[in-house]
Amino acid sequence: MTRERINDRGTIKWTSMMLPEHVEKLKEMWREDERVEKGDLDEQQAAEIDFKLQLALKDDLTVGISYHNGFDYRYAKVKILSIIHEKKTLYVVNQESKDKVEVSLHAINEVTII
């Protein structure tokens, strides 16, 4: 057998003999390996994001936000309910699930007015 074939089956072969707790721990380790670090925004990008959020709140516009959730980036279409600068928090309603969500202003990477 070739080396590639052994490596391809390695994890699949052994997980059937593992306890469920061990399989979950392996999956958690793999998720950690796929983790994406959040990039920093410069002052101009932060000001542009704040401007778009204020405009969307004032004019009741739907916006698309890209935000970091701790592991990777997510995208959501939302309506803004309020912006609390003291708490650095944005309160929104997700347009797809209709859930009210709290998003940290520091987590937001990009805002697009739809």
PDB file of N, CA and C in Angstrom:
ATOM      1  N   MET A   1       0.836  -1.186   0.000  1.00  0.00           N
ATOM      2  CA  MET A   1       0.000   0.000   0.000  1.00  0.00           C
ATOM      3  C   MET A   1       0.877   1.245   0.000  1.00  0.00           C
ATOM      4  N   THR A   2       0.336   2.299  -0.598  1.00  0.00           N
ATOM      5  CA  THR A   2       1.089   3.550  -0.629  1.00  0.00           C
ATOM      6  C   THR A   2       0.870   4.330   0.653  1.00  0.00           C
ATOM      7  N   ARG A   3       1.766   5.245   0.911  1.00  0.00           N
ATOM      8  CA  ARG A   3       1.689   6.056   2.121  1.00  0.00           C
ATOM      9  C   ARG A   3       0.403   6.913   2.148  1.00  0.00           C
ATOM     10  N   GLU A   4      -0.018   7.470   1.003  1.00  0.00           N
ATOM     11  CA  GLU A   4      -1.208   8.300   0.949  1.00  0.00           C
ATOM     12  C   GLU A   4      -2.445   7.523   1.393  1.00  0.00           C
ATOM     13  N   ARG A   5      -2.515   6.304   0.969  1.00  0.00           N
ATOM     14  CA  ARG A   5      -3.683   5.504   1.299  1.00  0.00           C
ATOM     15  C   ARG A   5      -3.771   5.241   2.796  1.00  0.00           C
ATOM     16  N   ILE A   6      -2.657   5.014   3.434  1.00  0.00           N
ATOM     17  CA  ILE A   6      -2.647   4.797   4.880  1.00  0.00           C
ATOM     18  C   ILE A   6      -3.090   6.069   5.599  1.00  0.00           C
ATOM     19  N   ASN A   7      -2.565   7.222   5.198  1.00  0.00           N
ATOM     20  CA  ASN A   7      -2.928   8.486   5.839  1.00  0.00           C
ATOM     21  C   ASN A   7      -4.391   8.844   5.617  1.00  0.00           C
ATOM     22  N   ASP A   8      -4.936   8.555   4.454  1.00  0.00           N
ATOM     23  CA  ASP A   8      -6.332   8.865   4.163  1.00  0.00           C
ATOM     24  C   ASP A   8      -7.281   8.135   5.101  1.00  0.00           C
ATOM     25  N   ARG A   9      -6.978   6.914   5.441  1.00  0.00           N
ATOM     26  CA  ARG A   9      -7.889   6.107   6.239  1.00  0.00           C
ATOM     27  C   ARG A   9      -7.588   6.177   7.731  1.00  0.00           C
ATOM     28  N   GLY A  10      -6.497   6.789   8.111  1.00  0.00           N
ATOM     29  CA  GLY A  10      -6.060   6.753   9.502  1.00  0.00           C
ATOM     30  C   GLY A  10      -7.121   7.150  10.502  1.00  0.00           C
ATOM     31  N   THR A  11      -7.648   8.323  10.389  1.00  0.00           N
ATOM     32  CA  THR A  11      -8.624   8.807  11.352  1.00  0.00           C
ATOM     33  C   THR A  11      -9.938   8.043  11.244  1.00  0.00           C
ATOM     34  N   ILE A  12     -10.388   7.824  10.033  1.00  0.00           N
ATOM     35  CA  ILE A  12     -11.653   7.115   9.826  1.00  0.00           C
ATOM     36  C   ILE A  12     -11.566   5.708  10.413  1.00  0.00           C
ATOM     37  N   LYS A  13     -10.452   5.071  10.229  1.00  0.00           N
ATOM     38  CA  LYS A  13     -10.251   3.701  10.693  1.00  0.00           C
ATOM     39  C   LYS A  13     -10.352   3.612  12.214  1.00  0.00           C
ATOM     40  N   TRP A  14      -9.764   4.567  12.920  1.00  0.00           N
ATOM     41  CA  TRP A  14      -9.679   4.454  14.377  1.00  0.00           C
ATOM     42  C   TRP A  14     -10.862   5.067  15.106  1.00  0.00           C
ATOM     43  N   THR A  15     -11.589   5.997  14.508  1.00  0.00           N
ATOM     44  CA  THR A  15     -12.690   6.630  15.239  1.00  0.00           C
ATOM     45  C   THR A  15     -13.822   5.659  15.548  1.00  0.00           C
ATOM     46  N   SER A  16     -13.978   4.616  14.781  1.00  0.00           N
ATOM     47  CA  SER A  16     -15.045   3.654  15.068  1.00  0.00           C
ATOM     48  C   SER A  16     -14.767   2.874  16.342  1.00  0.00           C
ATOM     49  N   MET A  17     -13.505   2.823  16.765  1.00  0.00           N
ATOM     50  CA  MET A  17     -13.161   2.102  17.986  1.00  0.00           C
ATOM     51  C   MET A  17     -12.982   3.029  19.185  1.00  0.00           C
ATOM     52  N   MET A  18     -13.227   4.308  19.014  1.00  0.00           N
ATOM     53  CA  MET A  18     -13.050   5.273  20.093  1.00  0.00           C
ATOM     54  C   MET A  18     -14.356   5.508  20.831  1.00  0.00           C
ATOM     55  N   LEU A  19     -14.215   5.954  22.068  1.00  0.00           N
ATOM     56  CA  LEU A  19     -15.382   6.367  22.836  1.00  0.00           C
ATOM     57  C   LEU A  19     -15.922   7.673  22.262  1.00  0.00           C
ATOM     58  N   PRO A  20     -17.211   7.923  22.369  1.00  0.00           N
ATOM     59  CA  PRO A  20     -17.788   9.163  21.831  1.00  0.00           C
ATOM     60  C   PRO A  20     -17.112  10.418  22.385  1.00  0.00           C
ATOM     61  N   GLU A  21     -16.674  10.367  23.647  1.00  0.00           N
ATOM     62  CA  GLU A  21     -16.002  11.526  24.252  1.00  0.00           C
ATOM     63  C   GLU A  21     -14.692  11.821  23.523  1.00  0.00           C
ATOM     64  N   HIS A  22     -13.986  10.769  23.128  1.00  0.00           N
ATOM     65  CA  HIS A  22     -12.723  10.957  22.427  1.00  0.00           C
ATOM     66  C   HIS A  22     -12.949  11.523  21.019  1.00  0.00           C
ATOM     67  N   VAL A  23     -13.997  11.040  20.367  1.00  0.00           N
ATOM     68  CA  VAL A  23     -14.330  11.541  19.033  1.00  0.00           C
ATOM     69  C   VAL A  23     -14.675  13.031  19.113  1.00  0.00           C
ATOM     70  N   GLU A  24     -15.460  13.435  20.131  1.00  0.00           N
ATOM     71  CA  GLU A  24     -15.816  14.842  20.303  1.00  0.00           C
ATOM     72  C   GLU A  24     -14.579  15.690  20.562  1.00  0.00           C
ATOM     73  N   LYS A  25     -13.652  15.174  21.351  1.00  0.00           N
ATOM     74  CA  LYS A  25     -12.416  15.900  21.639  1.00  0.00           C
ATOM     75  C   LYS A  25     -11.590  16.088  20.362  1.00  0.00           C
ATOM     76  N   LEU A  26     -11.537  15.057  19.517  1.00  0.00           N
ATOM     77  CA  LEU A  26     -10.832  15.175  18.239  1.00  0.00           C
ATOM     78  C   LEU A  26     -11.478  16.236  17.352  1.00  0.00           C
ATOM     79  N   LYS A  27     -12.815  16.225  17.290  1.00  0.00           N
ATOM     80  CA  LYS A  27     -13.524  17.211  16.474  1.00  0.00           C
ATOM     81  C   LYS A  27     -13.264  18.617  16.987  1.00  0.00           C
ATOM     82  N   GLU A  28     -13.207  18.790  18.298  1.00  0.00           N
ATOM     83  CA  GLU A  28     -12.915  20.095  18.890  1.00  0.00           C
ATOM     84  C   GLU A  28     -11.505  20.554  18.520  1.00  0.00           C
ATOM     85  N   MET A  29     -10.549  19.624  18.535  1.00  0.00           N
ATOM     86  CA  MET A  29      -9.181  19.956  18.156  1.00  0.00           C
ATOM     87  C   MET A  29      -9.110  20.384  16.693  1.00  0.00           C
ATOM     88  N   TRP A  30      -9.862  19.709  15.818  1.00  0.00           N
ATOM     89  CA  TRP A  30      -9.877  20.064  14.400  1.00  0.00           C
ATOM     90  C   TRP A  30     -10.478  21.451  14.197  1.00  0.00           C
ATOM     91  N   ARG A  31     -11.548  21.778  14.962  1.00  0.00           N
ATOM     92  CA  ARG A  31     -12.151  23.107  14.865  1.00  0.00           C
ATOM     93  C   ARG A  31     -11.146  24.180  15.275  1.00  0.00           C
ATOM     94  N   GLU A  32     -10.384  23.899  16.316  1.00  0.00           N
ATOM     95  CA  GLU A  32      -9.362  24.853  16.763  1.00  0.00           C
ATOM     96  C   GLU A  32      -8.311  25.071  15.680  1.00  0.00           C
ATOM     97  N   ASP A  33      -7.960  24.012  14.953  1.00  0.00           N
ATOM     98  CA  ASP A  33      -6.978  24.140  13.874  1.00  0.00           C
ATOM     99  C   ASP A  33      -7.492  25.022  12.743  1.00  0.00           C
ATOM    100  N   GLU A  34      -8.808  25.042  12.540  1.00  0.00           N
ATOM    101  CA  GLU A  34      -9.412  25.808  11.455  1.00  0.00           C
ATOM    102  C   GLU A  34      -9.758  27.238  11.873  1.00  0.00           C
ATOM    103  N   ARG A  35      -9.459  27.590  13.109  1.00  0.00           N
ATOM    104  CA  ARG A  35      -9.792  28.907  13.642  1.00  0.00           C
ATOM    105  C   ARG A  35      -9.122  30.022  12.835  1.00  0.00           C
ATOM    106  N   VAL A  36      -9.885  31.078  12.556  1.00  0.00           N
ATOM    107  CA  VAL A  36      -9.386  32.232  11.812  1.00  0.00           C
ATOM    108  C   VAL A  36      -9.287  33.400  12.789  1.00  0.00           C
ATOM    109  N   GLU A  37      -8.123  34.019  12.858  1.00  0.00           N
ATOM    110  CA  GLU A  37      -7.928  35.159  13.751  1.00  0.00           C
ATOM    111  C   GLU A  37      -8.555  36.415  13.145  1.00  0.00           C
ATOM    112  N   LYS A  38      -9.077  37.274  14.018  1.00  0.00           N
ATOM    113  CA  LYS A  38      -9.695  38.520  13.573  1.00  0.00           C
ATOM    114  C   LYS A  38      -8.614  39.541  13.250  1.00  0.00           C
ATOM    115  N   GLY A  39      -8.764  40.170  12.101  1.00  0.00           N
ATOM    116  CA  GLY A  39      -7.839  41.227  11.703  1.00  0.00           C
ATOM    117  C   GLY A  39      -8.213  42.551  12.351  1.00  0.00           C
ATOM    118  N   ASP A  40      -7.269  43.458  12.409  1.00  0.00           N
ATOM    119  CA  ASP A  40      -7.518  44.781  12.980  1.00  0.00           C
ATOM    120  C   ASP A  40      -7.954  45.758  11.889  1.00  0.00           C
ATOM    121  N   LEU A  41      -8.832  46.682  12.269  1.00  0.00           N
ATOM    122  CA  LEU A  41      -9.288  47.720  11.360  1.00  0.00           C
ATOM    123  C   LEU A  41      -8.504  48.995  11.622  1.00  0.00           C
ATOM    124  N   ASP A  42      -8.257  49.761  10.579  1.00  0.00           N
ATOM    125  CA  ASP A  42      -7.628  51.062  10.810  1.00  0.00           C
ATOM    126  C   ASP A  42      -8.731  52.082  11.139  1.00  0.00           C
ATOM    127  N   GLU A  43      -8.339  53.297  11.492  1.00  0.00           N
ATOM    128  CA  GLU A  43      -9.301  54.325  11.907  1.00  0.00           C
ATOM    129  C   GLU A  43     -10.309  54.658  10.813  1.00  0.00           C
ATOM    130  N   GLN A  44      -9.855  54.712   9.577  1.00  0.00           N
ATOM    131  CA  GLN A  44     -10.737  55.058   8.469  1.00  0.00           C
ATOM    132  C   GLN A  44     -11.805  53.986   8.256  1.00  0.00           C
ATOM    133  N   GLN A  45     -11.417  52.717   8.325  1.00  0.00           N
ATOM    134  CA  GLN A  45     -12.384  51.626   8.170  1.00  0.00           C
ATOM    135  C   GLN A  45     -13.397  51.648   9.312  1.00  0.00           C
ATOM    136  N   ALA A  46     -12.932  51.876  10.529  1.00  0.00           N
ATOM    137  CA  ALA A  46     -13.828  51.931  11.685  1.00  0.00           C
ATOM    138  C   ALA A  46     -14.820  53.088  11.552  1.00  0.00           C
ATOM    139  N   ALA A  47     -14.344  54.229  11.073  1.00  0.00           N
ATOM    140  CA  ALA A  47     -15.221  55.390  10.881  1.00  0.00           C
ATOM    141  C   ALA A  47     -16.258  55.115   9.792  1.00  0.00           C
ATOM    142  N   GLU A  48     -15.850  54.450   8.723  1.00  0.00           N
ATOM    143  CA  GLU A  48     -16.775  54.109   7.638  1.00  0.00           C
ATOM    144  C   GLU A  48     -17.856  53.138   8.122  1.00  0.00           C
ATOM    145  N   ILE A  49     -17.460  52.149   8.908  1.00  0.00           N
ATOM    146  CA  ILE A  49     -18.424  51.195   9.463  1.00  0.00           C
ATOM    147  C   ILE A  49     -19.414  51.931  10.365  1.00  0.00           C
ATOM    148  N   ASP A  50     -18.912  52.812  11.236  1.00  0.00           N
ATOM    149  CA  ASP A  50     -19.779  53.564  12.141  1.00  0.00           C
ATOM    150  C   ASP A  50     -20.753  54.443  11.354  1.00  0.00           C
ATOM    151  N   PHE A  51     -20.276  55.100  10.296  1.00  0.00           N
ATOM    152  CA  PHE A  51     -21.134  55.939   9.466  1.00  0.00           C
ATOM    153  C   PHE A  51     -22.262  55.116   8.845  1.00  0.00           C
ATOM    154  N   LYS A  52     -21.924  53.970   8.273  1.00  0.00           N
ATOM    155  CA  LYS A  52     -22.946  53.120   7.631  1.00  0.00           C
ATOM    156  C   LYS A  52     -23.958  52.606   8.650  1.00  0.00           C
ATOM    157  N   LEU A  53     -23.488  52.249   9.838  1.00  0.00           N
ATOM    158  CA  LEU A  53     -24.407  51.771  10.883  1.00  0.00           C
ATOM    159  C   LEU A  53     -25.354  52.886  11.319  1.00  0.00           C
ATOM    160  N   GLN A  54     -24.828  54.101  11.510  1.00  0.00           N
ATOM    161  CA  GLN A  54     -25.665  55.239  11.906  1.00  0.00           C
ATOM    162  C   GLN A  54     -26.693  55.562  10.818  1.00  0.00           C
ATOM    163  N   LEU A  55     -26.269  55.522   9.561  1.00  0.00           N
ATOM    164  CA  LEU A  55     -27.168  55.785   8.435  1.00  0.00           C
ATOM    165  C   LEU A  55     -28.273  54.732   8.370  1.00  0.00           C
ATOM    166  N   ALA A  56     -27.903  53.479   8.526  1.00  0.00           N
ATOM    167  CA  ALA A  56     -28.883  52.386   8.474  1.00  0.00           C
ATOM    168  C   ALA A  56     -29.885  52.496   9.624  1.00  0.00           C
ATOM    169  N   LEU A  57     -29.413  52.900  10.800  1.00  0.00           N
ATOM    170  CA  LEU A  57     -30.307  53.069  11.947  1.00  0.00           C
ATOM    171  C   LEU A  57     -31.270  54.229  11.703  1.00  0.00           C
ATOM    172  N   LYS A  58     -30.739  55.347  11.239  1.00  0.00           N
ATOM    173  CA  LYS A  58     -31.541  56.550  11.003  1.00  0.00           C
ATOM    174  C   LYS A  58     -32.598  56.327   9.917  1.00  0.00           C
ATOM    175  N   ASP A  59     -32.213  55.674   8.821  1.00  0.00           N
ATOM    176  CA  ASP A  59     -33.118  55.485   7.679  1.00  0.00           C
ATOM    177  C   ASP A  59     -33.810  54.131   7.658  1.00  0.00           C
ATOM    178  N   ASP A  60     -33.645  53.335   8.705  1.00  0.00           N
ATOM    179  CA  ASP A  60     -34.259  52.005   8.828  1.00  0.00           C
ATOM    180  C   ASP A  60     -33.926  51.119   7.619  1.00  0.00           C
ATOM    181  N   LEU A  61     -32.630  51.040   7.299  1.00  0.00           N
ATOM    182  CA  LEU A  61     -32.163  50.250   6.161  1.00  0.00           C
ATOM    183  C   LEU A  61     -31.705  48.865   6.597  1.00  0.00           C
ATOM    184  N   THR A  62     -31.798  47.912   5.686  1.00  0.00           N
ATOM    185  CA  THR A  62     -31.242  46.581   5.914  1.00  0.00           C
ATOM    186  C   THR A  62     -29.770  46.625   5.523  1.00  0.00           C
ATOM    187  N   VAL A  63     -28.924  46.040   6.364  1.00  0.00           N
ATOM    188  CA  VAL A  63     -27.489  46.004   6.079  1.00  0.00           C
ATOM    189  C   VAL A  63     -26.975  44.569   6.163  1.00  0.00           C
ATOM    190  N   GLY A  64     -25.911  44.335   5.451  1.00  0.00           N
ATOM    191  CA  GLY A  64     -25.193  43.073   5.567  1.00  0.00           C
ATOM    192  C   GLY A  64     -23.968  43.325   6.424  1.00  0.00           C
ATOM    193  N   ILE A  65     -23.787  42.540   7.467  1.00  0.00           N
ATOM    194  CA  ILE A  65     -22.605  42.715   8.299  1.00  0.00           C
ATOM    195  C   ILE A  65     -21.762  41.444   8.268  1.00  0.00           C
ATOM    196  N   SER A  66     -20.479  41.652   8.193  1.00  0.00           N
ATOM    197  CA  SER A  66     -19.517  40.570   8.310  1.00  0.00           C
ATOM    198  C   SER A  66     -18.873  40.750   9.673  1.00  0.00           C
ATOM    199  N   TYR A  67     -18.925  39.702  10.509  1.00  0.00           N
ATOM    200  CA  TYR A  67     -18.400  39.821  11.862  1.00  0.00           C
ATOM    201  C   TYR A  67     -17.663  38.555  12.262  1.00  0.00           C
ATOM    202  N   HIS A  68     -16.763  38.698  13.209  1.00  0.00           N
ATOM    203  CA  HIS A  68     -15.972  37.576  13.705  1.00  0.00           C
ATOM    204  C   HIS A  68     -16.676  37.005  14.932  1.00  0.00           C
ATOM    205  N   ASN A  69     -16.951  35.714  14.908  1.00  0.00           N
ATOM    206  CA  ASN A  69     -17.689  35.100  16.012  1.00  0.00           C
ATOM    207  C   ASN A  69     -16.796  34.344  16.995  1.00  0.00           C
ATOM    208  N   GLY A  70     -15.510  34.551  16.925  1.00  0.00           N
ATOM    209  CA  GLY A  70     -14.589  33.860  17.820  1.00  0.00           C
ATOM    210  C   GLY A  70     -13.770  32.794  17.118  1.00  0.00           C
ATOM    211  N   PHE A  71     -14.339  32.201  16.059  1.00  0.00           N
ATOM    212  CA  PHE A  71     -13.634  31.168  15.305  1.00  0.00           C
ATOM    213  C   PHE A  71     -13.399  31.566  13.857  1.00  0.00           C
ATOM    214  N   ASP A  72     -14.397  32.167  13.246  1.00  0.00           N
ATOM    215  CA  ASP A  72     -14.271  32.564  11.847  1.00  0.00           C
ATOM    216  C   ASP A  72     -15.217  33.731  11.580  1.00  0.00           C
ATOM    217  N   TYR A  73     -15.316  34.129  10.331  1.00  0.00           N
ATOM    218  CA  TYR A  73     -16.188  35.237   9.968  1.00  0.00           C
ATOM    219  C   TYR A  73     -17.554  34.724   9.540  1.00  0.00           C
ATOM    220  N   ARG A  74     -18.584  35.443   9.934  1.00  0.00           N
ATOM    221  CA  ARG A  74     -19.961  35.137   9.548  1.00  0.00           C
ATOM    222  C   ARG A  74     -20.543  36.356   8.844  1.00  0.00           C
ATOM    223  N   TYR A  75     -21.583  36.118   8.058  1.00  0.00           N
ATOM    224  CA  TYR A  75     -22.273  37.191   7.362  1.00  0.00           C
ATOM    225  C   TYR A  75     -23.757  37.082   7.672  1.00  0.00           C
ATOM    226  N   ALA A  76     -24.394  38.215   7.931  1.00  0.00           N
ATOM    227  CA  ALA A  76     -25.825  38.213   8.209  1.00  0.00           C
ATOM    228  C   ALA A  76     -26.462  39.476   7.661  1.00  0.00           C
ATOM    229  N   LYS A  77     -27.698  39.335   7.171  1.00  0.00           N
ATOM    230  CA  LYS A  77     -28.503  40.486   6.761  1.00  0.00           C
ATOM    231  C   LYS A  77     -29.352  40.858   7.963  1.00  0.00           C
ATOM    232  N   VAL A  78     -29.239  42.113   8.391  1.00  0.00           N
ATOM    233  CA  VAL A  78     -29.888  42.525   9.634  1.00  0.00           C
ATOM    234  C   VAL A  78     -30.540  43.894   9.508  1.00  0.00           C
ATOM    235  N   LYS A  79     -31.477  44.161  10.416  1.00  0.00           N
ATOM    236  CA  LYS A  79     -32.053  45.495  10.642  1.00  0.00           C
ATOM    237  C   LYS A  79     -31.525  45.937  12.005  1.00  0.00           C
ATOM    238  N   ILE A  80     -31.052  47.155  12.087  1.00  0.00           N
ATOM    239  CA  ILE A  80     -30.459  47.648  13.330  1.00  0.00           C
ATOM    240  C   ILE A  80     -31.553  48.195  14.243  1.00  0.00           C
ATOM    241  N   LEU A  81     -31.550  47.717  15.489  1.00  0.00           N
ATOM    242  CA  LEU A  81     -32.487  48.221  16.493  1.00  0.00           C
ATOM    243  C   LEU A  81     -31.882  49.387  17.250  1.00  0.00           C
ATOM    244  N   SER A  82     -30.625  49.220  17.708  1.00  0.00           N
ATOM    245  CA  SER A  82     -29.950  50.299  18.431  1.00  0.00           C
ATOM    246  C   SER A  82     -28.447  50.053  18.463  1.00  0.00           C
ATOM    247  N   ILE A  83     -27.735  51.152  18.698  1.00  0.00           N
ATOM    248  CA  ILE A  83     -26.282  51.098  18.848  1.00  0.00           C
ATOM    249  C   ILE A  83     -25.959  51.724  20.198  1.00  0.00           C
ATOM    250  N   ILE A  84     -25.316  50.953  21.067  1.00  0.00           N
ATOM    251  CA  ILE A  84     -24.924  51.449  22.392  1.00  0.00           C
ATOM    252  C   ILE A  84     -23.408  51.582  22.400  1.00  0.00           C
ATOM    253  N   HIS A  85     -22.924  52.822  22.195  1.00  0.00           N
ATOM    254  CA  HIS A  85     -21.480  53.042  22.098  1.00  0.00           C
ATOM    255  C   HIS A  85     -20.774  52.806  23.426  1.00  0.00           C
ATOM    256  N   GLU A  86     -21.444  53.083  24.551  1.00  0.00           N
ATOM    257  CA  GLU A  86     -20.819  52.877  25.859  1.00  0.00           C
ATOM    258  C   GLU A  86     -20.484  51.405  26.087  1.00  0.00           C
ATOM    259  N   LYS A  87     -21.360  50.522  25.628  1.00  0.00           N
ATOM    260  CA  LYS A  87     -21.152  49.075  25.773  1.00  0.00           C
ATOM    261  C   LYS A  87     -20.448  48.467  24.571  1.00  0.00           C
ATOM    262  N   LYS A  88     -20.225  49.284  23.526  1.00  0.00           N
ATOM    263  CA  LYS A  88     -19.633  48.805  22.273  1.00  0.00           C
ATOM    264  C   LYS A  88     -20.456  47.650  21.705  1.00  0.00           C
ATOM    265  N   THR A  89     -21.783  47.845  21.684  1.00  0.00           N
ATOM    266  CA  THR A  89     -22.698  46.776  21.289  1.00  0.00           C
ATOM    267  C   THR A  89     -23.708  47.267  20.258  1.00  0.00           C
ATOM    268  N   LEU A  90     -24.023  46.387  19.330  1.00  0.00           N
ATOM    269  CA  LEU A  90     -25.009  46.629  18.296  1.00  0.00           C
ATOM    270  C   LEU A  90     -26.145  45.627  18.500  1.00  0.00           C
ATOM    271  N   TYR A  91     -27.372  46.120  18.571  1.00  0.00           N
ATOM    272  CA  TYR A  91     -28.540  45.247  18.704  1.00  0.00           C
ATOM    273  C   TYR A  91     -29.254  45.209  17.371  1.00  0.00           C
ATOM    274  N   VAL A  92     -29.470  44.012  16.834  1.00  0.00           N
ATOM    275  CA  VAL A  92     -30.037  43.849  15.502  1.00  0.00           C
ATOM    276  C   VAL A  92     -31.090  42.745  15.487  1.00  0.00           C
ATOM    277  N   VAL A  93     -31.860  42.720  14.397  1.00  0.00           N
ATOM    278  CA  VAL A  93     -32.784  41.620  14.122  1.00  0.00           C
ATOM    279  C   VAL A  93     -32.282  40.942  12.858  1.00  0.00           C
ATOM    280  N   ASN A  94     -31.963  39.661  12.959  1.00  0.00           N
ATOM    281  CA  ASN A  94     -31.521  38.884  11.811  1.00  0.00           C
ATOM    282  C   ASN A  94     -32.704  38.726  10.866  1.00  0.00           C
ATOM    283  N   GLN A  95     -32.535  39.104   9.605  1.00  0.00           N
ATOM    284  CA  GLN A  95     -33.629  39.067   8.637  1.00  0.00           C
ATOM    285  C   GLN A  95     -34.034  37.648   8.250  1.00  0.00           C
ATOM    286  N   GLU A  96     -33.141  36.699   8.355  1.00  0.00           N
ATOM    287  CA  GLU A  96     -33.473  35.328   7.969  1.00  0.00           C
ATOM    288  C   GLU A  96     -34.182  34.584   9.094  1.00  0.00           C
ATOM    289  N   SER A  97     -33.646  34.656  10.298  1.00  0.00           N
ATOM    290  CA  SER A  97     -34.221  33.891  11.413  1.00  0.00           C
ATOM    291  C   SER A  97     -35.188  34.709  12.257  1.00  0.00           C
ATOM    292  N   LYS A  98     -35.209  36.032  12.058  1.00  0.00           N
ATOM    293  CA  LYS A  98     -36.059  36.961  12.823  1.00  0.00           C
ATOM    294  C   LYS A  98     -35.695  36.991  14.311  1.00  0.00           C
ATOM    295  N   ASP A  99     -34.490  36.550  14.659  1.00  0.00           N
ATOM    296  CA  ASP A  99     -34.025  36.579  16.042  1.00  0.00           C
ATOM    297  C   ASP A  99     -33.382  37.920  16.348  1.00  0.00           C
ATOM    298  N   LYS A 100     -33.558  38.375  17.593  1.00  0.00           N
ATOM    299  CA  LYS A 100     -32.844  39.559  18.045  1.00  0.00           C
ATOM    300  C   LYS A 100     -31.462  39.110  18.505  1.00  0.00           C
ATOM    301  N   VAL A 101     -30.434  39.809  18.003  1.00  0.00           N
ATOM    302  CA  VAL A 101     -29.057  39.396  18.249  1.00  0.00           C
ATOM    303  C   VAL A 101     -28.252  40.597  18.744  1.00  0.00           C
ATOM    304  N   GLU A 102     -27.306  40.305  19.615  1.00  0.00           N
ATOM    305  CA  GLU A 102     -26.389  41.309  20.135  1.00  0.00           C
ATOM    306  C   GLU A 102     -25.017  41.046  19.520  1.00  0.00           C
ATOM    307  N   VAL A 103     -24.421  42.059  18.876  1.00  0.00           N
ATOM    308  CA  VAL A 103     -23.125  41.904  18.216  1.00  0.00           C
ATOM    309  C   VAL A 103     -22.172  42.956  18.767  1.00  0.00           C
ATOM    310  N   SER A 104     -20.974  42.538  19.123  1.00  0.00           N
ATOM    311  CA  SER A 104     -19.960  43.478  19.592  1.00  0.00           C
ATOM    312  C   SER A 104     -19.494  44.335  18.421  1.00  0.00           C
ATOM    313  N   LEU A 105     -19.387  45.638  18.642  1.00  0.00           N
ATOM    314  CA  LEU A 105     -18.915  46.536  17.582  1.00  0.00           C
ATOM    315  C   LEU A 105     -17.485  46.198  17.179  1.00  0.00           C
ATOM    316  N   HIS A 106     -16.698  45.663  18.119  1.00  0.00           N
ATOM    317  CA  HIS A 106     -15.317  45.278  17.823  1.00  0.00           C
ATOM    318  C   HIS A 106     -15.251  44.067  16.891  1.00  0.00           C
ATOM    319  N   ALA A 107     -16.300  43.250  16.866  1.00  0.00           N
ATOM    320  CA  ALA A 107     -16.304  42.036  16.049  1.00  0.00           C
ATOM    321  C   ALA A 107     -16.642  42.323  14.587  1.00  0.00           C
ATOM    322  N   ILE A 108     -17.247  43.477  14.312  1.00  0.00           N
ATOM    323  CA  ILE A 108     -17.689  43.786  12.953  1.00  0.00           C
ATOM    324  C   ILE A 108     -16.497  44.118  12.069  1.00  0.00           C
ATOM    325  N   ASN A 109     -16.456  43.464  10.917  1.00  0.00           N
ATOM    326  CA  ASN A 109     -15.366  43.634   9.971  1.00  0.00           C
ATOM    327  C   ASN A 109     -15.764  44.473   8.766  1.00  0.00           C
ATOM    328  N   GLU A 110     -17.039  44.351   8.368  1.00  0.00           N
ATOM    329  CA  GLU A 110     -17.515  45.068   7.178  1.00  0.00           C
ATOM    330  C   GLU A 110     -19.014  45.258   7.256  1.00  0.00           C
ATOM    331  N   VAL A 111     -19.492  46.382   6.738  1.00  0.00           N
ATOM    332  CA  VAL A 111     -20.921  46.679   6.674  1.00  0.00           C
ATOM    333  C   VAL A 111     -21.265  47.087   5.252  1.00  0.00           C
ATOM    334  N   THR A 112     -22.337  46.491   4.706  1.00  0.00           N
ATOM    335  CA  THR A 112     -22.800  46.811   3.363  1.00  0.00           C
ATOM    336  C   THR A 112     -24.273  47.187   3.438  1.00  0.00           C
ATOM    337  N   ILE A 113     -24.623  48.332   2.912  1.00  0.00           N
ATOM    338  CA  ILE A 113     -26.035  48.735   2.882  1.00  0.00           C
ATOM    339  C   ILE A 113     -26.690  48.039   1.706  1.00  0.00           C
ATOM    340  N   ILE A 114     -27.785  47.355   1.997  1.00  0.00           N
ATOM    341  CA  ILE A 114     -28.472  46.553   0.968  1.00  0.00           C
ATOM    342  C   ILE A 114     -29.681  47.316   0.446  1.00  0.00           C
TER     343      ILE A 114
END
